């Protein structure tokens, strides 16, 4: 239906929306939404599903003393995006529901446009800080998601698809109160209530897999399995139960495999059966905000006995000496800094950590007043004076058990044209303070440690 032909929506759901309101009331999260102090925000695209959800919720929220707002995410991907935002603005004005419009930039990053837009949308939605975000997914969406995940080879967690209620990961909750209603029922209710909505032209594009399932696969499926929505919903519910049990098992097992630095011990992991390996590795990665796929699990398990460094999204996965550690990805240090010789902690801009300087009566490095000490990034062929000669820094790193990725982010201190110290690892033996001479000691505290 063309959004240019707007009708004034009712201030509260009337008889045509009664079934929708009843479905919402059935799944009302009483423990999360307390009268007078809770905030529900509707994710409003302007499509029929979210329009009906907002109209039905507008009276329920008032009756139950809950603050209701809406959010519209402007992706800027469609030439009609501004028109959709204007439609949502007018609708919320008529319903007297506060609306915020979030403009986002969708960065594909080599992935699918659908996934990138979805991630951007959920980040924008979470920014509102609502106790509960109401999403207008319905029974057809649930069925399509189960089919899509099955065709991707998803396990129990993927097949669990869309729960009615789950934590969002941003401190709030996602609520899907329309999952028992079919798309056709929602559209019929909207027509009877005299509502208008917008149509996203991309929903008819068969190049997107979900659309191909919706327009080409589901009609064939419905001819042979008229009850497919209910049956696929049962599959999702059973998968959710199984996923919950597996999550509990993983949660109780992982602490015994995780060190104080958060690294996963791979050697004992590999002593378990392959299903256990995949379960625990996936659970560990998900806790580290890593997007998990069967291919990634296979790659990591194959490389577990060796050193590796893999980048997945905005995370880097680091394997060294039988452990796996996940860190945020970022550029390697590349700046040279002048180090002020003052006792205490010295932050280093552009470096992932803090230097600690102290003066000591015994040991340390002898430095004359006014000495120029530089902090430099790594260089090829580095050596440090040790004993009667020089030793390759590579050997010193290995002896200290420092993983390659940490070496690249560890500062080198230089003075008088020579390497002075690897803070906390070794100092140049020809620069050690003599007995009775005060020396400088250097330590390095990595960010997150």
Protein backbone atom coordinates (compact mmCIF):
# COMPACT_ATOMS: atom_id res chain seq x y z
CA UNK A 1 0.00 0.00 0.00
CA UNK A 2 1.37 3.42 -0.96
CA UNK A 3 2.46 5.37 2.09
CA UNK A 4 1.54 8.64 0.37
CA UNK A 5 -2.12 7.83 1.04
CA UNK A 6 -1.90 8.24 4.80
CA UNK A 7 -4.94 7.79 6.98
CA UNK A 8 -5.06 9.00 10.53
CA UNK A 9 -4.42 5.94 12.72
CA UNK A 10 -6.55 5.47 15.79
CA UNK A 11 -5.31 6.67 19.15
CA UNK A 12 -5.83 3.15 20.47
CA UNK A 13 -6.31 -0.26 18.89
CA UNK A 14 -9.96 -0.89 18.12
CA UNK A 15 -11.71 -4.19 17.39
CA UNK A 16 -9.66 -5.01 14.26
CA UNK A 17 -6.48 -4.90 16.39
CA UNK A 18 -7.97 -6.77 19.34
CA UNK A 19 -6.38 -10.08 18.32
CA UNK A 20 -3.00 -8.41 18.02
CA UNK A 21 -3.39 -6.73 21.40
CA UNK A 22 -4.38 -10.08 22.92
CA UNK A 23 -1.27 -11.76 21.49
CA UNK A 24 0.91 -9.01 22.92
CA UNK A 25 -0.78 -9.25 26.32
CA UNK A 26 -0.22 -13.03 26.34
CA UNK A 27 3.54 -12.53 26.06
CA UNK A 28 3.78 -9.40 28.21
CA UNK A 29 7.07 -9.64 30.17
CA UNK A 30 5.66 -8.82 33.60
CA UNK A 31 8.98 -9.24 35.41
CA UNK A 32 10.74 -6.76 33.09
CA UNK A 33 8.06 -4.13 32.62
CA UNK A 34 6.98 -2.59 35.89
CA UNK A 35 4.36 0.12 35.95
CA UNK A 36 5.70 3.64 36.16
CA UNK A 37 9.39 2.83 35.73
CA UNK A 38 9.85 0.78 32.56
CA UNK A 39 10.59 1.86 29.00
CA UNK A 40 9.54 -0.05 25.87
CA UNK A 41 10.80 1.04 22.48
CA UNK A 42 9.29 -0.26 19.23
CA UNK A 43 11.64 -0.83 16.31
CA UNK A 44 9.56 0.94 13.66
CA UNK A 45 10.47 0.34 10.02
CA UNK A 46 7.16 1.65 8.72
CA UNK A 47 6.22 -1.76 7.35
CA UNK A 48 2.86 -3.28 8.17
CA UNK A 49 4.17 -5.48 10.99
CA UNK A 50 5.83 -2.71 12.99
CA UNK A 51 2.97 -0.27 12.32
CA UNK A 52 0.44 -2.74 13.73
CA UNK A 53 2.71 -3.50 16.68
CA UNK A 54 3.11 0.18 17.54
CA UNK A 55 -0.62 0.92 17.25
CA UNK A 56 -1.56 -2.06 19.40
CA UNK A 57 1.09 -1.27 22.00
CA UNK A 58 0.13 2.38 22.25
CA UNK A 59 -2.98 1.60 24.31
CA UNK A 60 -1.53 -1.37 26.20
CA UNK A 61 1.47 0.63 27.36
CA UNK A 62 -0.73 3.45 28.63
CA UNK A 63 -3.03 1.04 30.46
CA UNK A 64 -0.07 -0.70 32.10
CA UNK A 65 1.83 2.45 33.00
CA UNK A 66 4.79 1.78 30.73
CA UNK A 67 6.61 4.50 28.81
CA UNK A 68 6.45 3.83 25.06
CA UNK A 69 8.77 5.25 22.39
CA UNK A 70 9.76 4.23 18.88
CA UNK A 71 12.99 4.17 16.88
CA UNK A 72 13.36 4.26 13.11
CA UNK A 73 16.73 3.30 11.62
CA UNK A 74 17.57 5.20 8.45
CA UNK A 75 20.05 3.00 6.53
CA UNK A 76 20.26 5.27 3.51
CA UNK A 77 20.26 2.24 1.21
CA UNK A 78 16.99 2.97 -0.59
CA UNK A 79 16.04 6.07 -2.58
CA UNK A 80 12.82 5.97 -0.51
CA UNK A 81 14.61 6.05 2.86
CA UNK A 82 13.77 9.70 3.56
CA UNK A 83 10.13 9.05 2.65
CA UNK A 84 10.00 6.15 5.13
CA UNK A 85 11.44 8.31 7.90
CA UNK A 86 8.84 11.00 7.18
CA UNK A 87 6.05 8.41 7.28
CA UNK A 88 7.22 7.11 10.68
CA UNK A 89 7.48 10.66 11.99
CA UNK A 90 3.89 11.42 10.99
CA UNK A 91 2.58 8.14 12.40
CA UNK A 92 4.24 8.66 15.78
CA UNK A 93 3.01 12.25 15.92
CA UNK A 94 -0.59 11.07 15.46
CA UNK A 95 -0.16 8.38 18.11
CA UNK A 96 1.70 10.82 20.40
CA UNK A 97 4.58 8.38 20.70
CA UNK A 98 8.08 9.93 20.91
CA UNK A 99 10.26 8.87 17.98
CA UNK A 100 14.00 8.96 17.46
CA UNK A 101 15.48 8.50 14.00
CA UNK A 102 18.93 6.91 13.86
CA UNK A 103 20.93 7.43 10.68
CA UNK A 104 23.53 4.71 10.21
CA UNK A 105 26.28 3.96 7.75
CA UNK A 106 26.21 0.37 6.52
CA UNK A 107 29.72 -0.98 6.05
CA UNK A 108 29.67 -4.35 4.30
CA UNK A 109 33.29 -5.11 5.14
CA UNK A 110 33.37 -7.85 2.51
CA UNK A 111 30.25 -9.54 3.91
CA UNK A 112 26.61 -9.52 2.87
CA UNK A 113 24.64 -6.30 2.70
CA UNK A 114 21.80 -7.91 4.67
CA UNK A 115 24.06 -8.87 7.58
CA UNK A 116 25.82 -5.49 7.63
CA UNK A 117 22.50 -3.63 7.66
CA UNK A 118 21.17 -5.87 10.42
CA UNK A 119 24.23 -5.29 12.62
CA UNK A 120 24.04 -1.53 12.07
CA UNK A 121 20.33 -1.59 12.86
CA UNK A 122 20.72 -3.46 16.15
CA UNK A 123 23.55 -1.19 17.27
CA UNK A 124 21.39 1.85 16.61
CA UNK A 125 18.41 0.32 18.39
CA UNK A 126 20.52 -0.52 21.44
CA UNK A 127 21.67 3.09 21.71
CA UNK A 128 18.25 4.12 23.02
CA UNK A 129 18.80 2.43 26.36
CA UNK A 130 15.25 1.05 26.60
CA UNK A 131 14.53 -1.71 29.10
CA UNK A 132 12.80 -3.69 26.35
CA UNK A 133 12.90 -3.27 22.57
CA UNK A 134 9.78 -4.63 20.85
CA UNK A 135 10.38 -6.24 17.45
CA UNK A 136 7.57 -7.04 15.00
CA UNK A 137 8.76 -10.47 13.85
CA UNK A 138 5.86 -12.86 13.26
CA UNK A 139 5.26 -16.57 12.57
CA UNK A 140 6.29 -16.32 8.91
CA UNK A 141 9.56 -14.62 9.88
CA UNK A 142 10.24 -17.40 12.37
CA UNK A 143 9.57 -20.14 9.81
CA UNK A 144 11.77 -18.45 7.21
CA UNK A 145 14.58 -18.06 9.71
CA UNK A 146 14.47 -21.73 10.71
CA UNK A 147 14.61 -22.75 7.05
CA UNK A 148 17.43 -20.33 6.33
CA UNK A 149 19.50 -21.53 9.28
CA UNK A 150 18.90 -25.18 8.39
CA UNK A 151 20.06 -24.55 4.83
CA UNK A 152 23.18 -22.91 6.23
CA UNK A 153 23.92 -26.01 8.28
CA UNK A 154 23.15 -24.35 11.60
CA UNK A 155 23.06 -26.25 14.87
CA UNK A 156 20.66 -26.07 17.80
CA UNK A 157 21.40 -22.46 18.65
CA UNK A 158 20.90 -21.31 15.05
CA UNK A 159 17.69 -23.30 14.66
CA UNK A 160 16.35 -21.78 17.88
CA UNK A 161 16.01 -18.74 15.62
CA UNK A 162 13.85 -16.07 17.25
CA UNK A 163 12.88 -16.48 20.90
CA UNK A 164 10.01 -14.40 22.22
CA UNK A 165 12.32 -12.82 24.77
CA UNK A 166 16.10 -12.68 25.07
CA UNK A 167 18.81 -10.40 26.37
CA UNK A 168 20.24 -8.13 23.74
CA UNK A 169 23.85 -8.06 24.90
CA UNK A 170 23.58 -4.31 25.49
CA UNK A 171 21.95 -4.46 28.90
CA UNK A 172 18.37 -4.60 27.63
CA UNK A 173 15.96 -7.18 26.25
CA UNK A 174 14.54 -7.98 22.81
CA UNK A 175 10.84 -8.86 22.82
CA UNK A 176 8.94 -10.43 19.92
CA UNK A 177 5.27 -10.52 20.96
CA UNK A 178 3.83 -11.31 17.49
CA UNK A 179 5.50 -14.67 16.86
CA UNK A 180 2.19 -16.54 17.11
CA UNK A 181 0.57 -14.43 14.38
CA UNK A 182 0.94 -15.06 10.65
CA UNK A 183 1.83 -12.27 8.25
CA UNK A 184 -1.58 -12.56 6.58
CA UNK A 185 -3.38 -12.10 9.92
CA UNK A 186 -1.39 -8.95 10.66
CA UNK A 187 -2.07 -7.48 7.22
CA UNK A 188 -5.77 -8.27 7.56
CA UNK A 189 -5.90 -6.54 10.94
CA UNK A 190 -4.16 -3.49 9.48
CA UNK A 191 -6.64 -3.22 6.61
CA UNK A 192 -9.63 -3.57 8.91
CA UNK A 193 -8.20 -0.87 11.17
CA UNK A 194 -7.69 1.45 8.20
CA UNK A 195 -3.94 1.69 8.67
CA UNK A 196 -1.41 2.63 6.03
CA UNK A 197 2.17 1.43 5.85
CA UNK A 198 5.16 1.54 3.53
CA UNK A 199 6.55 -1.26 1.37
CA UNK A 200 10.31 -1.83 1.18
CA UNK A 201 11.05 -2.63 -2.45
CA UNK A 202 14.01 -4.80 -1.44
CA UNK A 203 11.60 -7.33 0.10
CA UNK A 204 10.69 -8.47 -3.42
CA UNK A 205 14.28 -8.86 -4.61
CA UNK A 206 14.96 -12.62 -5.09
CA UNK A 207 18.72 -12.03 -4.96
CA UNK A 208 18.41 -11.98 -1.19
CA UNK A 209 18.15 -15.50 0.19
CA UNK A 210 15.38 -14.75 2.65
CA UNK A 211 13.27 -13.34 -0.17
CA UNK A 212 13.96 -16.41 -2.31
CA UNK A 213 12.75 -18.59 0.55
CA UNK A 214 9.68 -16.40 1.11
CA UNK A 215 8.55 -16.07 -2.49
CA UNK A 216 9.78 -19.29 -4.11
CA UNK A 217 10.31 -22.00 -1.51
CA UNK A 218 7.56 -21.32 1.05
CA UNK A 219 4.64 -21.41 -1.45
CA UNK A 220 5.71 -24.90 -2.56
CA UNK A 221 6.19 -25.95 1.05
CA UNK A 222 2.76 -24.65 2.04
CA UNK A 223 1.08 -26.77 -0.64
CA UNK A 224 2.44 -29.96 0.90
CA UNK A 225 2.69 -28.90 4.56
CA UNK A 226 -0.11 -26.42 5.33
CA UNK A 227 0.86 -26.48 9.01
CA UNK A 228 4.51 -25.66 8.30
CA UNK A 229 4.58 -22.53 10.48
CA UNK A 230 3.53 -24.38 13.62
CA UNK A 231 5.83 -27.32 12.94
CA UNK A 232 8.86 -25.13 12.28
CA UNK A 233 8.04 -23.16 15.43
CA UNK A 234 8.11 -26.48 17.34
CA UNK A 235 11.50 -27.24 15.80
CA UNK A 236 12.76 -23.85 16.96
CA UNK A 237 11.41 -24.42 20.48
CA UNK A 238 13.05 -27.85 20.78
CA UNK A 239 16.30 -26.47 19.41
CA UNK A 240 16.16 -23.66 21.97
CA UNK A 241 15.83 -26.20 24.80
CA UNK A 242 18.79 -28.19 23.50
CA UNK A 243 20.86 -25.05 22.99
CA UNK A 244 20.15 -23.94 26.56
CA UNK A 245 21.35 -27.28 27.96
CA UNK A 246 24.50 -27.18 25.82
CA UNK A 247 25.18 -23.61 26.94
CA UNK A 248 24.90 -24.65 30.59
CA UNK A 249 27.31 -27.54 30.00
CA UNK A 250 29.81 -25.27 28.27
CA UNK A 251 29.50 -22.60 30.97
CA UNK A 252 30.32 -25.11 33.71
CA UNK A 253 33.27 -26.60 31.78
CA UNK A 254 35.04 -23.55 30.32
CA UNK A 255 36.39 -22.14 33.62
CA UNK A 256 38.58 -25.22 33.98
CA UNK A 257 40.09 -24.57 30.55
CA UNK A 258 40.54 -20.80 30.82
CA UNK A 259 43.57 -19.11 32.37
CA UNK A 260 43.79 -15.94 34.41
CA UNK A 261 44.60 -13.97 31.26
CA UNK A 262 41.46 -15.25 29.56
CA UNK A 263 43.32 -17.62 27.24
CA UNK A 264 41.79 -20.99 26.36
CA UNK A 265 44.02 -24.00 27.00
CA UNK A 266 44.01 -25.94 23.72
CA UNK A 267 45.97 -29.01 24.84
CA UNK A 268 43.33 -30.32 27.29
CA UNK A 269 40.62 -29.25 24.85
CA UNK A 270 42.09 -31.51 22.16
CA UNK A 271 42.00 -34.47 24.55
CA UNK A 272 38.21 -34.39 24.38
CA UNK A 273 36.04 -35.83 21.63
CA UNK A 274 35.49 -33.73 18.47
CA UNK A 275 31.90 -32.79 19.44
CA UNK A 276 33.15 -31.54 22.80
CA UNK A 277 35.95 -29.62 21.09
CA UNK A 278 33.53 -27.83 18.79
CA UNK A 279 31.05 -27.10 21.58
CA UNK A 280 33.60 -25.60 23.96
CA UNK A 281 35.56 -23.73 21.32
CA UNK A 282 32.38 -22.17 19.92
CA UNK A 283 31.22 -21.17 23.41
CA UNK A 284 34.59 -19.58 24.18
CA UNK A 285 34.63 -17.61 20.93
CA UNK A 286 31.06 -16.40 21.38
CA UNK A 287 32.00 -15.05 24.81
CA UNK A 288 34.75 -13.09 23.09
CA UNK A 289 32.28 -11.57 20.58
CA UNK A 290 33.67 -13.61 17.69
CA UNK A 291 31.30 -14.61 14.88
CA UNK A 292 31.47 -18.41 14.85
CA UNK A 293 31.11 -20.62 11.78
CA UNK A 294 31.77 -24.34 11.21
CA UNK A 295 34.63 -23.39 8.88
CA UNK A 296 36.27 -21.25 11.57
CA UNK A 297 36.02 -24.04 14.16
CA UNK A 298 37.55 -26.50 11.70
CA UNK A 299 40.42 -24.13 10.91
CA UNK A 300 41.22 -23.41 14.55
CA UNK A 301 41.13 -27.05 15.61
CA UNK A 302 43.40 -28.00 12.71
CA UNK A 303 45.88 -25.27 13.70
CA UNK A 304 45.60 -25.80 17.47
CA UNK A 305 48.96 -27.57 17.77
CA UNK A 306 50.72 -24.75 15.93
CA UNK A 307 51.07 -21.01 16.29
CA UNK A 308 48.56 -18.93 14.36
CA UNK A 309 47.10 -15.46 14.02
CA UNK A 310 43.66 -15.11 12.41
CA UNK A 311 41.50 -12.04 11.98
CA UNK A 312 37.74 -12.48 12.26
CA UNK A 313 35.76 -9.27 12.00
CA UNK A 314 37.13 -6.84 14.55
CA UNK A 315 38.87 -9.57 16.55
CA UNK A 316 42.25 -11.25 16.18
CA UNK A 317 42.60 -14.89 17.28
CA UNK A 318 46.06 -15.75 18.55
CA UNK A 319 47.40 -19.26 19.10
CA UNK A 320 50.72 -19.77 20.87
CA UNK A 321 52.18 -22.63 22.90
CA UNK A 322 48.92 -24.48 23.28
CA UNK A 323 46.70 -21.51 24.13
CA UNK A 324 44.15 -19.40 22.27
CA UNK A 325 43.65 -15.75 23.10
CA UNK A 326 41.24 -13.27 21.52
CA UNK A 327 42.01 -9.58 21.35
CA UNK A 328 40.46 -6.58 19.57
CA UNK A 329 42.09 -6.03 16.21
CA UNK A 330 43.96 -2.81 15.61
CA UNK A 331 47.00 -1.30 13.93
CA UNK A 332 50.49 -2.15 15.15
CA UNK A 333 52.35 0.60 17.00
CA UNK A 334 54.26 2.74 14.54
CA UNK A 335 55.14 5.92 16.42
CA UNK A 336 58.45 6.83 18.04
CA UNK A 337 58.12 8.76 21.30
CA UNK A 338 60.49 10.56 23.64
CA UNK A 339 60.22 8.95 27.08
CA UNK A 340 60.14 11.36 30.03
CA UNK A 341 62.35 10.02 32.83
CA UNK A 342 59.88 10.34 35.67
CA UNK A 343 58.93 7.71 38.19
CA UNK A 344 55.49 6.19 37.94
CA UNK A 345 53.19 5.13 35.12
CA UNK A 346 53.72 6.73 31.72
CA UNK A 347 50.96 6.23 29.10
CA UNK A 348 52.24 5.88 25.55
CA UNK A 349 49.90 7.34 22.90
CA UNK A 350 49.53 4.88 20.05
CA UNK A 351 50.74 1.96 22.15
CA UNK A 352 48.54 -0.70 23.80
CA UNK A 353 49.75 -0.28 27.34
CA UNK A 354 51.57 1.77 29.96
CA UNK A 355 55.26 1.97 30.91
CA UNK A 356 56.24 1.85 34.58
CA UNK A 357 59.44 3.63 35.57
CA UNK A 358 61.18 3.43 38.92
CA UNK A 359 64.59 4.31 40.34
CA UNK A 360 66.39 1.71 42.42
CA UNK A 361 69.56 1.62 44.45
CA UNK A 362 70.60 -1.80 43.18
CA UNK A 363 70.49 -2.82 39.52
CA UNK A 364 68.67 -1.06 36.76
CA UNK A 365 70.02 0.95 33.85
CA UNK A 366 72.43 3.82 34.36
CA UNK A 367 71.26 7.00 32.65
CA UNK A 368 72.82 10.41 33.02
CA UNK A 369 70.60 13.38 33.78
CA UNK A 370 69.13 14.73 30.56
CA UNK A 371 69.56 11.44 28.70
CA UNK A 372 67.30 11.05 25.66
CA UNK A 373 65.40 7.77 25.74
CA UNK A 374 63.17 6.87 22.79
CA UNK A 375 60.28 4.42 22.57
CA UNK A 376 60.45 2.74 19.18
CA UNK A 377 58.33 0.17 17.31
CA UNK A 378 59.81 -3.20 16.25
CA UNK A 379 62.59 -3.41 13.68
CA UNK A 380 64.21 -6.31 11.83
CA UNK A 381 67.35 -7.91 13.23
CA UNK A 382 67.12 -6.41 16.71
CA UNK A 383 69.85 -7.39 19.20
CA UNK A 384 70.49 -6.46 22.82
CA UNK A 385 73.83 -6.41 24.65
CA UNK A 386 73.98 -9.50 26.86
CA UNK A 387 77.18 -10.56 28.60
CA UNK A 388 80.23 -10.34 26.35
CA UNK A 389 78.23 -9.94 23.15
CA UNK A 390 74.78 -9.30 21.75
CA UNK A 391 71.77 -11.59 21.68
CA UNK A 392 68.99 -11.61 19.12
CA UNK A 393 65.79 -10.22 20.60
CA UNK A 394 63.96 -13.11 18.97
CA UNK A 395 65.76 -15.44 21.38
CA UNK A 396 64.92 -13.24 24.36
CA UNK A 397 61.24 -13.20 23.39
CA UNK A 398 61.22 -16.99 23.08
CA UNK A 399 62.94 -17.48 26.44
CA UNK A 400 60.35 -15.21 28.04
CA UNK A 401 57.52 -17.21 26.43
CA UNK A 402 56.14 -14.12 24.73
CA UNK A 403 53.78 -14.84 21.84
CA UNK A 404 54.69 -13.26 18.46
CA UNK A 405 51.64 -10.97 18.46
CA UNK A 406 52.66 -9.56 21.87
CA UNK A 407 56.22 -8.97 20.69
CA UNK A 408 54.94 -6.75 17.89
CA UNK A 409 53.13 -4.56 20.42
CA UNK A 410 55.93 -4.45 23.01
CA UNK A 411 57.92 -1.19 23.17
CA UNK A 412 61.66 -1.04 22.61
CA UNK A 413 63.65 1.56 24.55
CA UNK A 414 66.62 3.12 22.77
CA UNK A 415 69.36 5.47 23.99
CA UNK A 416 72.52 6.76 22.33
CA UNK A 417 71.75 4.91 19.11
CA UNK A 418 71.52 1.45 20.72
CA UNK A 419 68.77 -0.74 22.13
CA UNK A 420 68.57 -0.08 25.85
CA UNK A 421 65.80 -2.35 27.13
CA UNK A 422 62.86 -4.57 26.39
CA UNK A 423 60.76 -3.42 29.37
CA UNK A 424 60.12 -6.22 31.82
CA UNK A 425 62.11 -8.69 29.69
CA UNK A 426 65.77 -7.68 29.52
CA UNK A 427 68.12 -4.68 29.62
CA UNK A 428 71.43 -4.00 27.90
CA UNK A 429 74.15 -5.51 30.08
CA UNK A 430 76.64 -2.79 29.11
CA UNK A 431 74.31 -0.12 30.53
CA UNK A 432 73.74 -1.67 33.96
CA UNK A 433 74.28 0.65 36.92
CA UNK A 434 77.46 0.02 38.91
CA UNK A 435 77.38 -0.69 42.66
CA UNK A 436 76.39 2.46 44.52
CA UNK A 437 74.92 4.01 41.38
CA UNK A 438 71.18 4.58 41.08
CA UNK A 439 69.58 2.87 38.08
CA UNK A 440 66.30 2.97 36.21
CA UNK A 441 63.97 -0.03 35.99
CA UNK A 442 61.33 -0.35 33.27
CA UNK A 443 58.12 -2.39 33.24
CA UNK A 444 55.35 -2.74 30.67
CA UNK A 445 51.68 -3.23 31.49
CA UNK A 446 49.59 -4.27 28.50
CA UNK A 447 46.10 -2.89 28.09
CA UNK A 448 43.52 -5.29 29.47
CA UNK A 449 45.97 -6.99 31.80
